[in-house]
C-alpha atoms as a PDB file:
ATOM      1  CA  MET A   1       0.000   0.000   0.000  1.00  0.00           C
ATOM      2  CA  ARG A   2       2.832   2.400   0.874  1.00  0.00           C
ATOM      3  CA  ARG A   3       4.446   1.752  -2.509  1.00  0.00           C
ATOM      4  CA  LEU A   4       1.193   2.678  -4.273  1.00  0.00           C
ATOM      5  CA  ALA A   5       0.947   5.922  -2.271  1.00  0.00           C
ATOM      6  CA  VAL A   6       4.512   6.866  -3.245  1.00  0.00           C
ATOM      7  CA  LEU A   7       3.753   6.139  -6.917  1.00  0.00           C
ATOM      8  CA  VAL A   8       0.570   8.240  -6.800  1.00  0.00           C
ATOM      9  CA  LEU A   9       2.429  11.150  -5.168  1.00  0.00           C
ATOM     10  CA  ALA A  10       5.213  10.931  -7.763  1.00  0.00           C
ATOM     11  CA  THR A  11       2.648  10.974 -10.577  1.00  0.00           C
ATOM     12  CA  VAL A  12       0.858  14.001  -9.113  1.00  0.00           C
ATOM     13  CA  ALA A  13       4.155  15.864  -8.651  1.00  0.00           C
ATOM     14  CA  ALA A  14       5.223  15.114 -12.241  1.00  0.00           C
ATOM     15  CA  ALA A  15       1.896  16.332 -13.610  1.00  0.00           C
ATOM     16  CA  ALA A  16       2.101  19.572 -11.624  1.00  0.00           C
ATOM     17  CA  SER A  17       5.558  20.485 -12.857  1.00  0.00           C
ATOM     18  CA  GLY A  18       5.319  19.345 -16.456  1.00  0.00           C
ATOM     19  CA  PRO A  19       6.200  21.547 -19.407  1.00  0.00           C
ATOM     20  CA  ASP A  20       2.599  21.824 -20.582  1.00  0.00           C
ATOM     21  CA  ALA A  21       2.588  25.598 -21.005  1.00  0.00           C
ATOM     22  CA  THR A  22       4.954  28.162 -22.384  1.00  0.00           C
ATOM     23  CA  VAL A  23       5.216  31.918 -22.008  1.00  0.00           C
ATOM     24  CA  LEU A  24       4.828  33.491 -25.451  1.00  0.00           C
ATOM     25  CA  GLU A  25       5.659  37.074 -24.538  1.00  0.00           C
ATOM     26  CA  HIS A  26       5.921  39.408 -21.571  1.00  0.00           C
ATOM     27  CA  LYS A  27       6.913  42.945 -20.750  1.00  0.00           C
ATOM     28  CA  GLY A  28       7.342  44.909 -17.564  1.00  0.00           C
ATOM     29  CA  ARG A  29       7.273  48.577 -16.646  1.00  0.00           C
ATOM     30  CA  TRP A  30       6.870  50.912 -13.698  1.00  0.00           C
ATOM     31  CA  GLU A  31       3.361  52.264 -13.225  1.00  0.00           C
ATOM     32  CA  SER A  32       1.503  54.351 -10.661  1.00  0.00           C
ATOM     33  CA  GLY A  33      -2.026  54.058  -9.406  1.00  0.00           C
ATOM     34  CA  TYR A  34      -4.082  54.358  -6.251  1.00  0.00           C
ATOM     35  CA  GLY A  35      -1.245  56.287  -4.591  1.00  0.00           C
ATOM     36  CA  ALA A  36       1.311  53.503  -5.124  1.00  0.00           C
ATOM     37  CA  LYS A  37       4.163  52.853  -7.534  1.00  0.00           C
ATOM     38  CA  PHE A  38       4.531  49.290  -8.815  1.00  0.00           C
ATOM     39  CA  TYR A  39       6.377  47.283 -11.440  1.00  0.00           C
ATOM     40  CA  ASN A  40       3.766  45.529 -13.553  1.00  0.00           C
ATOM     41  CA  VAL A  41       4.582  42.481 -15.703  1.00  0.00           C
ATOM     42  CA  VAL A  42       2.003  41.409 -18.292  1.00  0.00           C
ATOM     43  CA  GLY A  43       2.211  38.674 -20.872  1.00  0.00           C
ATOM     44  CA  ARG A  44       0.620  35.819 -22.771  1.00  0.00           C
ATOM     45  CA  LEU A  45       1.014  32.094 -22.323  1.00  0.00           C
ATOM     46  CA  LYS A  46      -0.099  29.023 -24.242  1.00  0.00           C
ATOM     47  CA  ASN A  47      -1.200  25.554 -23.219  1.00  0.00           C
ATOM     48  CA  THR A  48       1.173  23.467 -25.346  1.00  0.00           C
ATOM     49  CA  SER A  49      -0.257  20.108 -24.258  1.00  0.00           C
ATOM     50  CA  ASP A  50      -2.929  17.954 -25.878  1.00  0.00           C
ATOM     51  CA  HIS A  51      -5.217  18.249 -22.826  1.00  0.00           C
ATOM     52  CA  ALA A  52      -6.924  20.963 -20.774  1.00  0.00           C
ATOM     53  CA  LEU A  53      -5.068  22.397 -17.787  1.00  0.00           C
ATOM     54  CA  ARG A  54      -6.700  23.275 -14.461  1.00  0.00           C
ATOM     55  CA  TYR A  55      -4.558  26.401 -14.356  1.00  0.00           C
ATOM     56  CA  VAL A  56      -1.068  27.658 -15.134  1.00  0.00           C
ATOM     57  CA  LYS A  57       0.902  28.951 -12.165  1.00  0.00           C
ATOM     58  CA  LEU A  58       3.830  31.260 -12.890  1.00  0.00           C
ATOM     59  CA  ARG A  59       6.570  32.828 -10.803  1.00  0.00           C
ATOM     60  CA  ILE A  60       7.971  36.259 -11.563  1.00  0.00           C
ATOM     61  CA  ASP A  61      11.411  36.867 -10.054  1.00  0.00           C
ATOM     62  CA  ALA A  62      12.926  40.342  -9.722  1.00  0.00           C
ATOM     63  CA  LEU A  63      16.691  40.148 -10.359  1.00  0.00           C
ATOM     64  CA  ASP A  64      19.524  42.442  -9.272  1.00  0.00           C
ATOM     65  CA  ALA A  65      22.421  43.395 -11.568  1.00  0.00           C
ATOM     66  CA  LYS A  66      24.216  40.109 -10.752  1.00  0.00           C
ATOM     67  CA  GLY A  67      21.146  38.000 -11.583  1.00  0.00           C
ATOM     68  CA  LYS A  68      20.325  37.277  -7.923  1.00  0.00           C
ATOM     69  CA  VAL A  69      16.627  36.970  -7.062  1.00  0.00           C
ATOM     70  CA  VAL A  70      15.668  39.843  -4.732  1.00  0.00           C
ATOM     71  CA  ALA A  71      11.879  39.340  -4.795  1.00  0.00           C
ATOM     72  CA  SER A  72       9.361  36.867  -6.194  1.00  0.00           C
ATOM     73  CA  THR A  73       5.643  36.759  -6.779  1.00  0.00           C
ATOM     74  CA  ASP A  74       3.409  33.931  -7.934  1.00  0.00           C
ATOM     75  CA  THR A  75       0.555  34.507 -10.336  1.00  0.00           C
ATOM     76  CA  TYR A  76      -1.860  32.534 -12.519  1.00  0.00           C
ATOM     77  CA  ASN A  77      -3.337  32.638 -16.001  1.00  0.00           C
ATOM     78  CA  GLU A  78      -6.165  35.149 -16.347  1.00  0.00           C
ATOM     79  CA  SER A  79      -9.021  32.656 -15.856  1.00  0.00           C
ATOM     80  CA  ALA A  80      -7.432  31.386 -12.642  1.00  0.00           C
ATOM     81  CA  GLU A  81      -6.282  34.700 -11.105  1.00  0.00           C
ATOM     82  CA  ALA A  82      -8.589  34.188  -8.110  1.00  0.00           C
ATOM     83  CA  LEU A  83      -6.318  31.337  -6.968  1.00  0.00           C
ATOM     84  CA  GLY A  84      -3.755  33.986  -6.013  1.00  0.00           C
ATOM     85  CA  VAL A  85      -6.094  35.842  -3.645  1.00  0.00           C
ATOM     86  CA  PRO A  86      -4.860  35.100  -0.100  1.00  0.00           C
ATOM     87  CA  ASP A  87      -8.310  35.218   1.546  1.00  0.00           C
ATOM     88  CA  LEU A  88      -9.825  32.597  -0.781  1.00  0.00           C
ATOM     89  CA  ASP A  89      -9.504  28.843  -0.303  1.00  0.00           C
ATOM     90  CA  ALA A  90      -7.925  27.640  -3.565  1.00  0.00           C
ATOM     91  CA  ASN A  91      -9.088  24.024  -3.126  1.00  0.00           C
ATOM     92  CA  GLN A  92     -12.663  25.134  -2.503  1.00  0.00           C
ATOM     93  CA  LEU A  93     -12.521  27.484  -5.485  1.00  0.00           C
ATOM     94  CA  LEU A  94     -11.257  24.705  -7.775  1.00  0.00           C
ATOM     95  CA  ALA A  95     -13.884  22.257  -6.459  1.00  0.00           C
ATOM     96  CA  SER A  96     -16.651  24.801  -7.106  1.00  0.00           C
ATOM     97  CA  GLY A  97     -15.909  24.838 -10.837  1.00  0.00           C
ATOM     98  CA  LYS A  98     -15.462  28.630 -10.859  1.00  0.00           C
ATOM     99  CA  VAL A  99     -11.977  28.360 -12.383  1.00  0.00           C
ATOM    100  CA  LYS A 100     -12.326  27.744 -16.118  1.00  0.00           C
ATOM    101  CA  PRO A 101      -9.785  25.189 -17.432  1.00  0.00           C
ATOM    102  CA  LEU A 102      -7.356  26.272 -20.145  1.00  0.00           C
ATOM    103  CA  ALA A 103      -8.109  24.209 -23.260  1.00  0.00           C
ATOM    104  CA  ALA A 104      -5.384  22.411 -25.214  1.00  0.00           C
ATOM    105  CA  GLY A 105      -3.670  24.901 -27.504  1.00  0.00           C
ATOM    106  CA  ALA A 106      -5.431  27.892 -25.913  1.00  0.00           C
ATOM    107  CA  GLU A 107      -3.677  31.160 -25.140  1.00  0.00           C
ATOM    108  CA  GLU A 108      -4.373  33.447 -22.221  1.00  0.00           C
ATOM    109  CA  ARG A 109      -2.956  36.540 -20.540  1.00  0.00           C
ATOM    110  CA  PHE A 110      -1.288  36.807 -17.144  1.00  0.00           C
ATOM    111  CA  ARG A 111      -0.070  39.620 -14.928  1.00  0.00           C
ATOM    112  CA  GLY A 112       1.887  40.147 -11.751  1.00  0.00           C
ATOM    113  CA  SER A 113       3.435  43.089  -9.959  1.00  0.00           C
ATOM    114  CA  PHE A 114       5.893  44.261  -7.311  1.00  0.00           C
ATOM    115  CA  LEU A 115       5.183  47.237  -5.055  1.00  0.00           C
ATOM    116  CA  ASP A 116       8.076  49.701  -5.135  1.00  0.00           C
ATOM    117  CA  GLU A 117       8.031  50.236  -1.362  1.00  0.00           C
ATOM    118  CA  GLU A 118       8.218  46.479  -0.655  1.00  0.00           C
ATOM    119  CA  THR A 119      10.774  45.455  -3.290  1.00  0.00           C
ATOM    120  CA  PRO A 120      14.572  45.847  -3.146  1.00  0.00           C
ATOM    121  CA  PRO A 121      16.152  47.538  -6.190  1.00  0.00           C
ATOM    122  CA  PHE A 122      16.262  45.293  -9.263  1.00  0.00           C
ATOM    123  CA  THR A 123      17.400  45.611 -12.869  1.00  0.00           C
ATOM    124  CA  ASP A 124      15.599  42.754 -14.609  1.00  0.00           C
ATOM    125  CA  TYR A 125      13.019  40.024 -14.097  1.00  0.00           C
ATOM    126  CA  ARG A 126      12.204  36.534 -15.349  1.00  0.00           C
ATOM    127  CA  VAL A 127       8.979  34.595 -15.756  1.00  0.00           C
ATOM    128  CA  THR A 128       8.875  30.841 -15.103  1.00  0.00           C
ATOM    129  CA  VAL A 129       6.041  28.327 -15.461  1.00  0.00           C
ATOM    130  CA  VAL A 130       5.759  26.644 -12.044  1.00  0.00           C
ATOM    131  CA  ALA A 131       2.759  24.295 -12.302  1.00  0.00           C
ATOM    132  CA  THR A 132       0.411  23.020 -15.019  1.00  0.00           C
ATOM    133  CA  PRO A 133      -1.938  20.463 -13.473  1.00  0.00           C
ATOM    134  CA  ARG A 134      -4.153  18.511 -15.836  1.00  0.00           C
ATOM    135  CA  ALA A 135      -7.865  19.384 -15.695  1.00  0.00           C
ATOM    136  CA  PRO A 136     -10.132  16.599 -14.404  1.00  0.00           C
END
């Protein structure tokens, strides 16, 4: 039984970190709004698999001049943005069916930002696909 549990966990972990989505384009710039200054990164991604994805989770890392990560933020594809809201229960939200799966071959936007007052100085950023779980 333990062996089966380990196999199931390994399968789930592999599915969550698979290369089933790619970032097509992104750009970042400083913006101001609501009395705050923030660095906003927006882009497009594509489901490159042959199946629907529950969501695509991305990480945006702010990098200093030496390429060291000085800040990070996680974000999701546009249809799944609510998963990033701290006050919402992500599992409950997914179970409710309110997060629309990303169809095979579909493209969608994403966005993420860093508040100036909370982020150390940085010179560049990178976007990485973190998780692409298969839709049920």
